[in-house]
Amino acid sequence: MRIIHVFRRRYWGVILGLLVAALVRGSAGAQTSVKFTLDWKFEGPAAPFLVAVDRGYFTAENLEVMIEPGNGSLEPINRVASGANDIGFGDINTLIKFRDQKRGAPLKAVFMVYNKPPGAIVARKSRGITTPKDLEGKKLGAPARDAAFAQWPIFVQTTGIDARKVTIVDVGFAAREPILASGQVDAITGFSFSSYLHSKIAAYPWTTSLLC
């Protein structure tokens, strides 16, 4: 899995252009207030937007951008749909499901930040999990609202896993890595660059990443 190098100047131009095109209202010289919502806390994936604020890129385009953290992939979609926020950073699969359930919702995707889906299963090598099939007979910790867990049915189908042999444990986002560390579950769903790194930062050298 590889993540787009969003810090390159050409990506800044795309992001700024999209914000300007989608949000600027009124005269060209007037500063426009923009409420921008993330899908999660202030972590690595939010860096392009936070650095743009820090370096004045938004200000140079007459935008006053306020960035708010989120609490899951559905939250930014709900915030934008309700009008609480003008634009948000969320999961495309969650948006597709939302639009399917609420036909006519005034929402659309305008830019893809990742060039590949970040959904992953992070597992303990000590439990003998090195391939998808090894999840059979094991416990998988997965928040019900997790964007990565939403891809579980497709992952099961494409890898040949017998889902009946995998015990799904509903866990909170904050408890995900800790319960993996304590051994209460054998693996967790999450994003490759966050759940995996959270485990590494917590000095869990026995983790491996099975990419969905």
N, C-alpha and C. Protein backbone atom coordinates (compact mmCIF):
# COMPACT_ATOMS: atom_id res chain seq x y z
N MET A 1 0.83 -1.18 0.00
CA MET A 1 0.00 0.00 0.00
C MET A 1 0.87 1.24 0.00
N ARG A 2 0.47 2.24 -0.77
CA ARG A 2 1.24 3.47 -0.87
C ARG A 2 0.29 4.65 -0.73
N ILE A 3 0.72 5.68 -0.07
CA ILE A 3 -0.10 6.87 0.15
C ILE A 3 0.39 8.00 -0.74
N ILE A 4 -0.53 8.74 -1.31
CA ILE A 4 -0.16 9.87 -2.16
C ILE A 4 0.71 10.85 -1.37
N HIS A 5 1.75 11.35 -1.99
CA HIS A 5 2.60 12.35 -1.36
C HIS A 5 1.92 13.71 -1.48
N VAL A 6 0.98 13.96 -0.58
CA VAL A 6 0.15 15.15 -0.69
C VAL A 6 0.91 16.43 -0.41
N PHE A 7 2.15 16.34 0.08
CA PHE A 7 2.90 17.55 0.37
C PHE A 7 3.51 18.17 -0.88
N ARG A 8 3.50 17.46 -2.00
CA ARG A 8 4.04 18.03 -3.22
C ARG A 8 3.20 19.23 -3.64
N ARG A 9 3.86 20.22 -4.17
CA ARG A 9 3.18 21.48 -4.49
C ARG A 9 1.97 21.28 -5.38
N ARG A 10 2.03 20.34 -6.32
CA ARG A 10 0.90 20.20 -7.24
C ARG A 10 -0.35 19.71 -6.53
N TYR A 11 -0.19 18.96 -5.44
CA TYR A 11 -1.36 18.51 -4.69
C TYR A 11 -1.94 19.64 -3.86
N TRP A 12 -1.05 20.52 -3.35
CA TRP A 12 -1.57 21.68 -2.65
C TRP A 12 -2.46 22.48 -3.59
N GLY A 13 -2.01 22.63 -4.82
CA GLY A 13 -2.78 23.40 -5.78
C GLY A 13 -4.14 22.80 -6.03
N VAL A 14 -4.20 21.47 -6.12
CA VAL A 14 -5.47 20.79 -6.35
C VAL A 14 -6.41 20.99 -5.17
N ILE A 15 -5.88 20.79 -3.94
CA ILE A 15 -6.71 20.93 -2.75
C ILE A 15 -7.24 22.35 -2.62
N LEU A 16 -6.35 23.32 -2.79
CA LEU A 16 -6.77 24.71 -2.71
C LEU A 16 -7.79 25.06 -3.79
N GLY A 17 -7.54 24.57 -4.99
CA GLY A 17 -8.46 24.85 -6.09
C GLY A 17 -9.85 24.31 -5.83
N LEU A 18 -9.91 23.10 -5.25
CA LEU A 18 -11.20 22.49 -4.95
C LEU A 18 -11.94 23.28 -3.88
N LEU A 19 -11.21 23.71 -2.85
CA LEU A 19 -11.85 24.49 -1.80
C LEU A 19 -12.39 25.81 -2.35
N VAL A 20 -11.59 26.45 -3.18
CA VAL A 20 -12.01 27.73 -3.75
C VAL A 20 -13.23 27.53 -4.63
N ALA A 21 -13.18 26.54 -5.51
CA ALA A 21 -14.28 26.31 -6.45
C ALA A 21 -15.56 25.91 -5.74
N ALA A 22 -15.42 25.12 -4.66
CA ALA A 22 -16.60 24.60 -3.99
C ALA A 22 -17.19 25.54 -2.96
N LEU A 23 -16.37 26.45 -2.42
CA LEU A 23 -16.81 27.18 -1.25
C LEU A 23 -16.87 28.70 -1.38
N VAL A 24 -16.07 29.29 -2.24
CA VAL A 24 -16.00 30.75 -2.27
C VAL A 24 -17.33 31.34 -2.73
N ARG A 25 -17.83 32.24 -1.91
CA ARG A 25 -19.09 32.92 -2.23
C ARG A 25 -18.88 34.42 -2.06
N GLY A 26 -19.54 35.20 -2.83
CA GLY A 26 -19.40 36.65 -2.71
C GLY A 26 -18.31 37.18 -3.61
N SER A 27 -17.81 38.36 -3.29
CA SER A 27 -16.83 39.01 -4.14
C SER A 27 -15.49 38.31 -4.06
N ALA A 28 -14.68 38.51 -5.12
CA ALA A 28 -13.40 37.82 -5.20
C ALA A 28 -12.45 38.24 -4.09
N GLY A 29 -12.57 39.48 -3.58
CA GLY A 29 -11.65 39.96 -2.57
C GLY A 29 -12.09 39.67 -1.15
N ALA A 30 -13.31 39.21 -0.96
CA ALA A 30 -13.83 38.97 0.38
C ALA A 30 -13.29 37.66 0.94
N GLN A 31 -12.97 37.68 2.25
CA GLN A 31 -12.50 36.46 2.89
C GLN A 31 -13.69 35.59 3.27
N THR A 32 -13.63 34.33 2.90
CA THR A 32 -14.73 33.40 3.15
C THR A 32 -14.40 32.46 4.29
N SER A 33 -15.30 32.37 5.26
CA SER A 33 -15.12 31.44 6.38
C SER A 33 -15.55 30.04 5.94
N VAL A 34 -14.71 29.07 6.23
CA VAL A 34 -14.97 27.69 5.84
C VAL A 34 -14.83 26.78 7.05
N LYS A 35 -15.87 25.99 7.33
CA LYS A 35 -15.81 25.01 8.41
C LYS A 35 -15.49 23.65 7.80
N PHE A 36 -14.32 23.15 8.10
CA PHE A 36 -13.81 21.91 7.50
C PHE A 36 -13.75 20.84 8.59
N THR A 37 -14.31 19.66 8.33
CA THR A 37 -14.30 18.59 9.31
C THR A 37 -13.45 17.41 8.86
N LEU A 38 -12.68 16.89 9.78
CA LEU A 38 -11.92 15.67 9.54
C LEU A 38 -12.77 14.47 9.88
N ASP A 39 -12.28 13.28 9.53
CA ASP A 39 -12.99 12.06 9.88
C ASP A 39 -12.53 11.50 11.23
N TRP A 40 -11.38 12.00 11.71
CA TRP A 40 -10.81 11.47 12.95
C TRP A 40 -10.02 12.57 13.65
N LYS A 41 -9.16 12.18 14.57
CA LYS A 41 -8.39 13.14 15.35
C LYS A 41 -7.30 13.79 14.50
N PHE A 42 -6.53 14.68 15.13
CA PHE A 42 -5.43 15.35 14.43
C PHE A 42 -4.24 14.39 14.34
N GLU A 43 -4.22 13.60 13.26
CA GLU A 43 -3.16 12.63 13.03
C GLU A 43 -2.55 12.88 11.65
N GLY A 44 -1.64 11.99 11.25
CA GLY A 44 -0.92 12.15 10.00
C GLY A 44 -1.75 12.47 8.78
N PRO A 45 -2.88 11.76 8.53
CA PRO A 45 -3.68 12.04 7.34
C PRO A 45 -4.21 13.47 7.26
N ALA A 46 -4.29 14.15 8.40
CA ALA A 46 -4.79 15.52 8.40
C ALA A 46 -3.70 16.54 8.09
N ALA A 47 -2.46 16.10 7.97
CA ALA A 47 -1.33 17.00 7.78
C ALA A 47 -1.48 17.96 6.60
N PRO A 48 -1.94 17.52 5.43
CA PRO A 48 -2.05 18.46 4.30
C PRO A 48 -2.91 19.68 4.61
N PHE A 49 -3.98 19.47 5.34
CA PHE A 49 -4.90 20.56 5.64
C PHE A 49 -4.35 21.44 6.76
N LEU A 50 -3.73 20.84 7.76
CA LEU A 50 -3.18 21.61 8.87
C LEU A 50 -1.97 22.43 8.45
N VAL A 51 -1.11 21.85 7.60
CA VAL A 51 0.05 22.59 7.12
C VAL A 51 -0.39 23.76 6.24
N ALA A 52 -1.47 23.55 5.50
CA ALA A 52 -1.99 24.64 4.65
C ALA A 52 -2.43 25.82 5.50
N VAL A 53 -3.01 25.53 6.67
CA VAL A 53 -3.39 26.61 7.59
C VAL A 53 -2.13 27.26 8.15
N ASP A 54 -1.18 26.45 8.59
CA ASP A 54 0.04 26.96 9.23
C ASP A 54 0.86 27.83 8.29
N ARG A 55 0.91 27.46 7.03
CA ARG A 55 1.74 28.19 6.07
C ARG A 55 0.99 29.29 5.33
N GLY A 56 -0.27 29.45 5.67
CA GLY A 56 -1.03 30.55 5.09
C GLY A 56 -1.54 30.31 3.68
N TYR A 57 -1.57 29.05 3.23
CA TYR A 57 -2.03 28.76 1.87
C TYR A 57 -3.51 29.12 1.70
N PHE A 58 -4.32 28.81 2.72
CA PHE A 58 -5.74 29.13 2.63
C PHE A 58 -5.96 30.65 2.68
N THR A 59 -5.22 31.31 3.56
CA THR A 59 -5.35 32.76 3.69
C THR A 59 -5.02 33.45 2.37
N ALA A 60 -4.03 32.93 1.66
CA ALA A 60 -3.64 33.51 0.37
C ALA A 60 -4.76 33.41 -0.65
N GLU A 61 -5.68 32.48 -0.42
CA GLU A 61 -6.83 32.32 -1.33
C GLU A 61 -8.09 32.95 -0.76
N ASN A 62 -7.91 33.84 0.24
CA ASN A 62 -9.03 34.52 0.88
C ASN A 62 -9.98 33.57 1.59
N LEU A 63 -9.41 32.52 2.17
CA LEU A 63 -10.20 31.55 2.92
C LEU A 63 -9.77 31.54 4.38
N GLU A 64 -10.73 31.63 5.27
CA GLU A 64 -10.48 31.47 6.70
C GLU A 64 -11.01 30.10 7.10
N VAL A 65 -10.13 29.11 7.17
CA VAL A 65 -10.53 27.72 7.35
C VAL A 65 -10.38 27.29 8.81
N MET A 66 -11.47 26.80 9.38
CA MET A 66 -11.46 26.24 10.72
C MET A 66 -11.58 24.73 10.60
N ILE A 67 -10.61 24.01 11.11
CA ILE A 67 -10.58 22.55 10.98
C ILE A 67 -10.98 21.91 12.30
N GLU A 68 -11.95 21.01 12.22
CA GLU A 68 -12.45 20.32 13.41
C GLU A 68 -12.14 18.82 13.32
N PRO A 69 -11.77 18.19 14.43
CA PRO A 69 -11.56 16.74 14.42
C PRO A 69 -12.89 16.01 14.33
N GLY A 70 -12.86 14.77 13.91
CA GLY A 70 -14.07 13.96 13.83
C GLY A 70 -13.99 12.74 14.73
N ASN A 71 -14.97 11.88 14.62
CA ASN A 71 -15.02 10.69 15.47
C ASN A 71 -15.52 9.49 14.67
N GLY A 72 -14.96 9.31 13.49
CA GLY A 72 -15.37 8.20 12.65
C GLY A 72 -15.76 8.66 11.25
N SER A 73 -15.76 7.71 10.31
CA SER A 73 -15.95 8.05 8.91
C SER A 73 -17.33 8.60 8.57
N LEU A 74 -18.34 8.25 9.38
CA LEU A 74 -19.69 8.73 9.08
C LEU A 74 -19.90 10.16 9.56
N GLU A 75 -19.18 10.56 10.59
CA GLU A 75 -19.41 11.88 11.19
C GLU A 75 -19.21 13.05 10.22
N PRO A 76 -18.13 13.10 9.44
CA PRO A 76 -18.00 14.24 8.52
C PRO A 76 -19.10 14.27 7.47
N ILE A 77 -19.58 13.11 7.07
CA ILE A 77 -20.66 13.06 6.08
C ILE A 77 -21.95 13.63 6.67
N ASN A 78 -22.25 13.23 7.90
CA ASN A 78 -23.45 13.75 8.57
C ASN A 78 -23.33 15.26 8.81
N ARG A 79 -22.13 15.71 9.17
CA ARG A 79 -21.93 17.13 9.45
C ARG A 79 -22.15 17.98 8.20
N VAL A 80 -21.61 17.53 7.07
CA VAL A 80 -21.77 18.28 5.83
C VAL A 80 -23.21 18.21 5.36
N ALA A 81 -23.84 17.05 5.49
CA ALA A 81 -25.23 16.89 5.05
C ALA A 81 -26.17 17.78 5.85
N SER A 82 -25.86 17.97 7.14
CA SER A 82 -26.73 18.79 7.99
C SER A 82 -26.45 20.28 7.85
N GLY A 83 -25.33 20.61 7.20
CA GLY A 83 -24.98 22.01 7.05
C GLY A 83 -24.10 22.53 8.17
N ALA A 84 -23.74 21.67 9.12
CA ALA A 84 -22.89 22.08 10.23
C ALA A 84 -21.48 22.42 9.74
N ASN A 85 -21.05 21.73 8.69
CA ASN A 85 -19.75 21.99 8.08
C ASN A 85 -19.91 22.18 6.57
N ASP A 86 -19.00 22.94 5.98
CA ASP A 86 -19.08 23.22 4.54
C ASP A 86 -18.47 22.11 3.70
N ILE A 87 -17.41 21.50 4.21
CA ILE A 87 -16.70 20.47 3.46
C ILE A 87 -16.02 19.54 4.47
N GLY A 88 -15.75 18.31 4.07
CA GLY A 88 -15.16 17.38 5.01
C GLY A 88 -14.25 16.37 4.35
N PHE A 89 -13.46 15.72 5.18
CA PHE A 89 -12.53 14.67 4.75
C PHE A 89 -13.07 13.36 5.29
N GLY A 90 -13.61 12.50 4.40
CA GLY A 90 -14.24 11.27 4.86
C GLY A 90 -13.97 10.11 3.94
N ASP A 91 -14.59 8.99 4.24
CA ASP A 91 -14.39 7.74 3.50
C ASP A 91 -15.35 7.66 2.32
N ILE A 92 -14.83 7.38 1.13
CA ILE A 92 -15.65 7.34 -0.08
C ILE A 92 -16.68 6.22 -0.02
N ASN A 93 -16.32 5.08 0.56
CA ASN A 93 -17.27 3.97 0.65
C ASN A 93 -18.44 4.31 1.56
N THR A 94 -18.14 5.01 2.65
CA THR A 94 -19.19 5.44 3.56
C THR A 94 -20.11 6.45 2.88
N LEU A 95 -19.53 7.32 2.06
CA LEU A 95 -20.33 8.30 1.32
C LEU A 95 -21.25 7.60 0.33
N ILE A 96 -20.73 6.60 -0.37
CA ILE A 96 -21.56 5.86 -1.34
C ILE A 96 -22.75 5.22 -0.64
N LYS A 97 -22.49 4.60 0.51
CA LYS A 97 -23.58 3.96 1.28
C LYS A 97 -24.59 4.99 1.76
N PHE A 98 -24.09 6.15 2.21
CA PHE A 98 -24.97 7.20 2.69
C PHE A 98 -25.88 7.71 1.58
N ARG A 99 -25.30 7.94 0.40
CA ARG A 99 -26.09 8.43 -0.73
C ARG A 99 -27.09 7.39 -1.21
N ASP A 100 -26.75 6.13 -1.07
CA ASP A 100 -27.66 5.07 -1.48
C ASP A 100 -28.87 5.00 -0.54
N GLN A 101 -28.61 5.23 0.75
CA GLN A 101 -29.68 5.16 1.74
C GLN A 101 -30.53 6.43 1.76
N LYS A 102 -29.89 7.55 1.39
CA LYS A 102 -30.61 8.83 1.41
C LYS A 102 -30.51 9.47 0.04
N ARG A 103 -31.33 8.98 -0.87
CA ARG A 103 -31.31 9.47 -2.24
C ARG A 103 -31.61 10.96 -2.28
N GLY A 104 -30.86 11.67 -3.08
CA GLY A 104 -31.05 13.10 -3.19
C GLY A 104 -30.26 13.91 -2.18
N ALA A 105 -29.46 13.24 -1.34
CA ALA A 105 -28.65 13.98 -0.37
C ALA A 105 -27.68 14.91 -1.10
N PRO A 106 -27.60 16.17 -0.69
CA PRO A 106 -26.77 17.17 -1.41
C PRO A 106 -25.28 17.01 -1.08
N LEU A 107 -24.73 15.84 -1.36
CA LEU A 107 -23.33 15.55 -1.07
C LEU A 107 -22.66 14.92 -2.28
N LYS A 108 -21.39 15.23 -2.47
CA LYS A 108 -20.64 14.58 -3.53
C LYS A 108 -19.15 14.63 -3.20
N ALA A 109 -18.40 13.67 -3.74
CA ALA A 109 -16.95 13.64 -3.57
C ALA A 109 -16.31 14.53 -4.63
N VAL A 110 -15.29 15.30 -4.23
CA VAL A 110 -14.65 16.21 -5.18
C VAL A 110 -13.16 15.92 -5.36
N PHE A 111 -12.57 15.09 -4.46
CA PHE A 111 -11.14 14.82 -4.59
C PHE A 111 -10.76 13.57 -3.79
N MET A 112 -9.93 12.72 -4.38
CA MET A 112 -9.43 11.53 -3.69
C MET A 112 -8.05 11.83 -3.13
N VAL A 113 -7.88 11.66 -1.82
CA VAL A 113 -6.60 11.94 -1.17
C VAL A 113 -5.67 10.72 -1.26
N TYR A 114 -6.21 9.52 -1.07
CA TYR A 114 -5.40 8.31 -1.13
C TYR A 114 -5.52 7.66 -2.50
N ASN A 115 -4.41 7.10 -2.99
CA ASN A 115 -4.48 6.42 -4.28
C ASN A 115 -4.82 4.94 -4.13
N LYS A 116 -4.82 4.45 -2.88
CA LYS A 116 -5.27 3.09 -2.60
C LYS A 116 -6.00 3.09 -1.26
N PRO A 117 -6.99 2.21 -1.08
CA PRO A 117 -7.72 2.17 0.19
C PRO A 117 -6.79 1.82 1.34
N PRO A 118 -6.91 2.50 2.48
CA PRO A 118 -6.03 2.23 3.61
C PRO A 118 -6.53 1.15 4.56
N GLY A 119 -7.71 0.56 4.27
CA GLY A 119 -8.27 -0.45 5.16
C GLY A 119 -7.33 -1.61 5.38
N ALA A 120 -7.20 -2.06 6.63
CA ALA A 120 -6.26 -3.12 6.95
C ALA A 120 -6.74 -3.95 8.14
N ILE A 121 -6.14 -5.12 8.27
CA ILE A 121 -6.30 -5.94 9.47
C ILE A 121 -4.91 -6.06 10.09
N VAL A 122 -4.80 -5.60 11.33
CA VAL A 122 -3.53 -5.66 12.04
C VAL A 122 -3.62 -6.80 13.04
N ALA A 123 -2.70 -7.75 12.93
CA ALA A 123 -2.80 -8.99 13.71
C ALA A 123 -1.54 -9.30 14.49
N ARG A 124 -1.67 -10.16 15.47
CA ARG A 124 -0.55 -10.60 16.28
C ARG A 124 0.11 -11.82 15.64
N LYS A 125 1.39 -11.71 15.35
CA LYS A 125 2.12 -12.86 14.82
C LYS A 125 2.14 -14.00 15.83
N SER A 126 2.15 -13.63 17.11
CA SER A 126 2.23 -14.64 18.16
C SER A 126 1.00 -15.55 18.19
N ARG A 127 -0.09 -15.11 17.54
CA ARG A 127 -1.30 -15.94 17.44
C ARG A 127 -1.32 -16.73 16.14
N GLY A 128 -0.20 -16.70 15.42
CA GLY A 128 -0.10 -17.50 14.20
C GLY A 128 -0.84 -16.93 13.02
N ILE A 129 -1.04 -15.62 13.00
CA ILE A 129 -1.78 -14.99 11.90
C ILE A 129 -0.80 -14.32 10.95
N THR A 130 -0.62 -14.91 9.80
CA THR A 130 0.26 -14.33 8.77
C THR A 130 -0.44 -14.21 7.43
N THR A 131 -1.58 -14.88 7.28
CA THR A 131 -2.37 -14.82 6.04
C THR A 131 -3.84 -14.62 6.42
N PRO A 132 -4.68 -14.16 5.51
CA PRO A 132 -6.09 -13.95 5.82
C PRO A 132 -6.79 -15.20 6.38
N LYS A 133 -6.51 -16.37 5.81
CA LYS A 133 -7.17 -17.60 6.27
C LYS A 133 -6.84 -17.93 7.72
N ASP A 134 -5.72 -17.41 8.21
CA ASP A 134 -5.34 -17.68 9.60
C ASP A 134 -6.27 -17.01 10.60
N LEU A 135 -7.14 -16.11 10.12
CA LEU A 135 -8.10 -15.45 11.01
C LEU A 135 -9.21 -16.40 11.45
N GLU A 136 -9.37 -17.50 10.75
CA GLU A 136 -10.40 -18.48 11.13
C GLU A 136 -10.06 -19.07 12.49
N GLY A 137 -11.07 -19.09 13.35
CA GLY A 137 -10.87 -19.59 14.71
C GLY A 137 -10.33 -18.53 15.66
N LYS A 138 -10.24 -17.30 15.17
CA LYS A 138 -9.67 -16.22 15.97
C LYS A 138 -10.73 -15.15 16.27
N LYS A 139 -10.36 -14.20 17.16
CA LYS A 139 -11.22 -13.08 17.51
C LYS A 139 -10.73 -11.82 16.79
N LEU A 140 -11.64 -11.14 16.11
CA LEU A 140 -11.33 -9.92 15.38
C LEU A 140 -12.03 -8.75 16.04
N GLY A 141 -11.25 -7.81 16.59
CA GLY A 141 -11.83 -6.61 17.19
C GLY A 141 -12.12 -5.58 16.12
N ALA A 142 -13.37 -5.10 16.07
CA ALA A 142 -13.76 -4.18 15.00
C ALA A 142 -14.84 -3.23 15.48
N PRO A 143 -14.58 -1.92 15.49
CA PRO A 143 -15.64 -0.96 15.81
C PRO A 143 -16.75 -1.06 14.76
N ALA A 144 -17.98 -1.03 15.20
CA ALA A 144 -19.11 -1.18 14.28
C ALA A 144 -19.12 -0.11 13.20
N ARG A 145 -18.64 1.11 13.52
CA ARG A 145 -18.67 2.22 12.57
C ARG A 145 -17.34 2.39 11.85
N ASP A 146 -16.46 1.41 11.94
CA ASP A 146 -15.15 1.50 11.31
C ASP A 146 -15.24 1.34 9.81
N ALA A 147 -14.64 2.27 9.06
CA ALA A 147 -14.69 2.21 7.60
C ALA A 147 -13.96 0.97 7.08
N ALA A 148 -12.90 0.55 7.77
CA ALA A 148 -12.18 -0.65 7.35
C ALA A 148 -13.04 -1.89 7.56
N PHE A 149 -13.74 -1.96 8.68
CA PHE A 149 -14.59 -3.12 8.96
C PHE A 149 -15.75 -3.21 7.98
N ALA A 150 -16.16 -2.08 7.43
CA ALA A 150 -17.25 -2.08 6.44
C ALA A 150 -16.88 -2.88 5.21
N GLN A 151 -15.56 -3.06 4.98
CA GLN A 151 -15.10 -3.82 3.82
C GLN A 151 -14.93 -5.31 4.14
N TRP A 152 -15.25 -5.72 5.36
CA TRP A 152 -15.07 -7.10 5.78
C TRP A 152 -15.79 -8.11 4.88
N PRO A 153 -17.05 -7.90 4.52
CA PRO A 153 -17.73 -8.87 3.64
C PRO A 153 -17.00 -9.09 2.31
N ILE A 154 -16.47 -8.00 1.73
CA ILE A 154 -15.74 -8.13 0.47
C ILE A 154 -14.42 -8.85 0.70
N PHE A 155 -13.75 -8.53 1.80
CA PHE A 155 -12.47 -9.16 2.15
C PHE A 155 -12.66 -10.66 2.33
N VAL A 156 -13.73 -11.03 3.00
CA VAL A 156 -14.03 -12.45 3.22
C VAL A 156 -14.26 -13.16 1.89
N GLN A 157 -15.01 -12.53 1.03
CA GLN A 157 -15.35 -13.14 -0.26
C GLN A 157 -14.12 -13.33 -1.14
N THR A 158 -13.26 -12.32 -1.18
CA THR A 158 -12.10 -12.38 -2.09
C THR A 158 -10.98 -13.27 -1.57
N THR A 159 -10.92 -13.48 -0.26
CA THR A 159 -9.83 -14.28 0.31
C THR A 159 -10.24 -15.70 0.66
N GLY A 160 -11.54 -16.00 0.59
CA GLY A 160 -12.00 -17.35 0.87
C GLY A 160 -12.10 -17.68 2.35
N ILE A 161 -12.15 -16.66 3.19
CA ILE A 161 -12.29 -16.89 4.64
C ILE A 161 -13.70 -17.39 4.95
N ASP A 162 -13.80 -18.37 5.84
CA ASP A 162 -15.10 -18.81 6.34
C ASP A 162 -15.47 -17.89 7.49
N ALA A 163 -16.32 -16.91 7.20
CA ALA A 163 -16.66 -15.89 8.19
C ALA A 163 -17.30 -16.49 9.44
N ARG A 164 -17.91 -17.66 9.32
CA ARG A 164 -18.54 -18.28 10.47
C ARG A 164 -17.52 -18.72 11.51
N LYS A 165 -16.28 -18.83 11.09
CA LYS A 165 -15.22 -19.28 11.99
C LYS A 165 -14.45 -18.11 12.63
N VAL A 166 -14.87 -16.89 12.33
CA VAL A 166 -14.22 -15.70 12.89
C VAL A 166 -15.18 -15.02 13.86
N THR A 167 -14.75 -14.83 15.08
CA THR A 167 -15.57 -14.16 16.09
C THR A 167 -15.31 -12.66 16.04
N ILE A 168 -16.37 -11.90 15.73
CA ILE A 168 -16.26 -10.45 15.64
C ILE A 168 -16.59 -9.85 17.01
N VAL A 169 -15.67 -9.05 17.54
CA VAL A 169 -15.86 -8.40 18.83
C VAL A 169 -16.01 -6.90 18.59
N ASP A 170 -17.17 -6.36 18.94
CA ASP A 170 -17.42 -4.93 18.77
C ASP A 170 -16.64 -4.15 19.83
N VAL A 171 -15.73 -3.30 19.39
CA VAL A 171 -14.90 -2.54 20.33
C VAL A 171 -14.97 -1.05 19.98
N GLY A 172 -14.61 -0.22 20.91
CA GLY A 172 -14.55 1.22 20.66
C GLY A 172 -13.26 1.57 19.94
N PHE A 173 -13.26 2.71 19.26
CA PHE A 173 -12.07 3.13 18.52
C PHE A 173 -10.87 3.28 19.45
N ALA A 174 -11.09 3.90 20.60
CA ALA A 174 -9.97 4.16 21.52
C ALA A 174 -9.42 2.89 22.14
N ALA A 175 -10.26 1.85 22.22
CA ALA A 175 -9.83 0.60 22.87
C ALA A 175 -9.21 -0.39 21.90
N ARG A 176 -9.24 -0.08 20.63
CA ARG A 176 -8.86 -1.03 19.60
C ARG A 176 -7.44 -1.58 19.79
N GLU A 177 -6.44 -0.72 19.80
CA GLU A 177 -5.06 -1.18 19.95
C GLU A 177 -4.77 -1.74 21.34
N PRO A 178 -5.29 -1.13 22.41
CA PRO A 178 -5.05 -1.69 23.74
C PRO A 178 -5.55 -3.12 23.93
N ILE A 179 -6.73 -3.43 23.39
CA ILE A 179 -7.22 -4.79 23.60
C ILE A 179 -6.44 -5.79 22.73
N LEU A 180 -5.88 -5.31 21.63
CA LEU A 180 -5.01 -6.18 20.84
C LEU A 180 -3.74 -6.47 21.62
N ALA A 181 -3.22 -5.44 22.28
CA ALA A 181 -2.00 -5.59 23.06
C ALA A 181 -2.20 -6.52 24.26
N SER A 182 -3.38 -6.43 24.88
CA SER A 182 -3.65 -7.23 26.06
C SER A 182 -4.00 -8.68 25.72
N GLY A 183 -4.21 -8.94 24.43
CA GLY A 183 -4.52 -10.31 24.02
C GLY A 183 -5.98 -10.67 24.08
N GLN A 184 -6.85 -9.68 24.30
CA GLN A 184 -8.29 -9.98 24.34
C GLN A 184 -8.83 -10.34 22.95
N VAL A 185 -8.18 -9.84 21.92
CA VAL A 185 -8.51 -10.21 20.55
C VAL A 185 -7.21 -10.58 19.84
N ASP A 186 -7.34 -11.26 18.71
CA ASP A 186 -6.16 -11.70 17.96
C ASP A 186 -5.78 -10.73 16.85
N ALA A 187 -6.74 -9.92 16.43
CA ALA A 187 -6.51 -8.97 15.34
C ALA A 187 -7.55 -7.86 15.43
N ILE A 188 -7.29 -6.76 14.73
CA ILE A 188 -8.24 -5.65 14.70
C ILE A 188 -8.33 -5.10 13.27
N THR A 189 -9.43 -4.43 12.98
CA THR A 189 -9.54 -3.70 11.72
C THR A 189 -9.14 -2.26 11.96
N GLY A 190 -8.70 -1.58 10.92
CA GLY A 190 -8.31 -0.18 11.04
C GLY A 190 -7.66 0.29 9.76
N PHE A 191 -7.06 1.46 9.82
CA PHE A 191 -6.31 1.98 8.68
C PHE A 191 -4.85 1.58 8.85
N SER A 192 -4.22 1.20 7.76
CA SER A 192 -2.85 0.67 7.82
C SER A 192 -1.87 1.65 8.46
N PHE A 193 -2.04 2.94 8.17
CA PHE A 193 -1.07 3.91 8.65
C PHE A 193 -1.39 4.44 10.05
N SER A 194 -2.53 4.08 10.61
CA SER A 194 -2.84 4.54 11.96
C SER A 194 -2.83 3.40 12.97
N SER A 195 -3.64 2.37 12.74
CA SER A 195 -3.67 1.25 13.69
C SER A 195 -2.32 0.57 13.81
N TYR A 196 -1.67 0.37 12.68
CA TYR A 196 -0.35 -0.28 12.70
C TYR A 196 0.66 0.57 13.45
N LEU A 197 0.69 1.87 13.13
CA LEU A 197 1.65 2.75 13.77
C LEU A 197 1.35 2.95 15.25
N HIS A 198 0.07 2.99 15.62
CA HIS A 198 -0.27 3.09 17.03
C HIS A 198 0.27 1.89 17.79
N SER A 199 0.21 0.75 17.16
CA SER A 199 0.73 -0.46 17.81
C SER A 199 2.26 -0.39 17.92
N LYS A 200 2.90 0.07 16.86
CA LYS A 200 4.37 0.16 16.88
C LYS A 200 4.83 1.20 17.90
N ILE A 201 4.14 2.32 17.96
CA ILE A 201 4.50 3.36 18.91
C ILE A 201 4.37 2.85 20.34
N ALA A 202 3.39 2.00 20.54
CA ALA A 202 3.18 1.42 21.87
C ALA A 202 4.13 0.25 22.13
N ALA A 203 5.10 0.08 21.23
CA ALA A 203 6.14 -0.96 21.40
C ALA A 203 5.57 -2.36 21.35
N TYR A 204 4.78 -2.60 20.29
CA TYR A 204 4.26 -3.94 20.07
C TYR A 204 4.96 -4.52 18.85
N PRO A 205 6.15 -5.06 18.98
CA PRO A 205 6.92 -5.52 17.82
C PRO A 205 6.37 -6.77 17.15
N TRP A 206 5.33 -7.37 17.75
CA TRP A 206 4.83 -8.64 17.20
C TRP A 206 3.69 -8.42 16.20
N THR A 207 3.39 -7.17 15.83
CA THR A 207 2.28 -6.94 14.92
C THR A 207 2.70 -7.06 13.47
N THR A 208 1.74 -7.42 12.64
CA THR A 208 1.94 -7.45 11.19
C THR A 208 0.68 -6.89 10.56
N SER A 209 0.74 -6.50 9.32
CA SER A 209 -0.41 -5.88 8.66
C SER A 209 -0.88 -6.72 7.48
N LEU A 210 -2.15 -7.12 7.52
CA LEU A 210 -2.76 -7.84 6.40
C LEU A 210 -3.66 -6.86 5.69
N LEU A 211 -3.26 -6.40 4.53
CA LEU A 211 -3.99 -5.35 3.84
C LEU A 211 -5.23 -5.88 3.15
N CYS A 212 -6.36 -5.18 3.38
CA CYS A 212 -7.60 -5.57 2.70
C CYS A 212 -7.52 -5.22 1.23
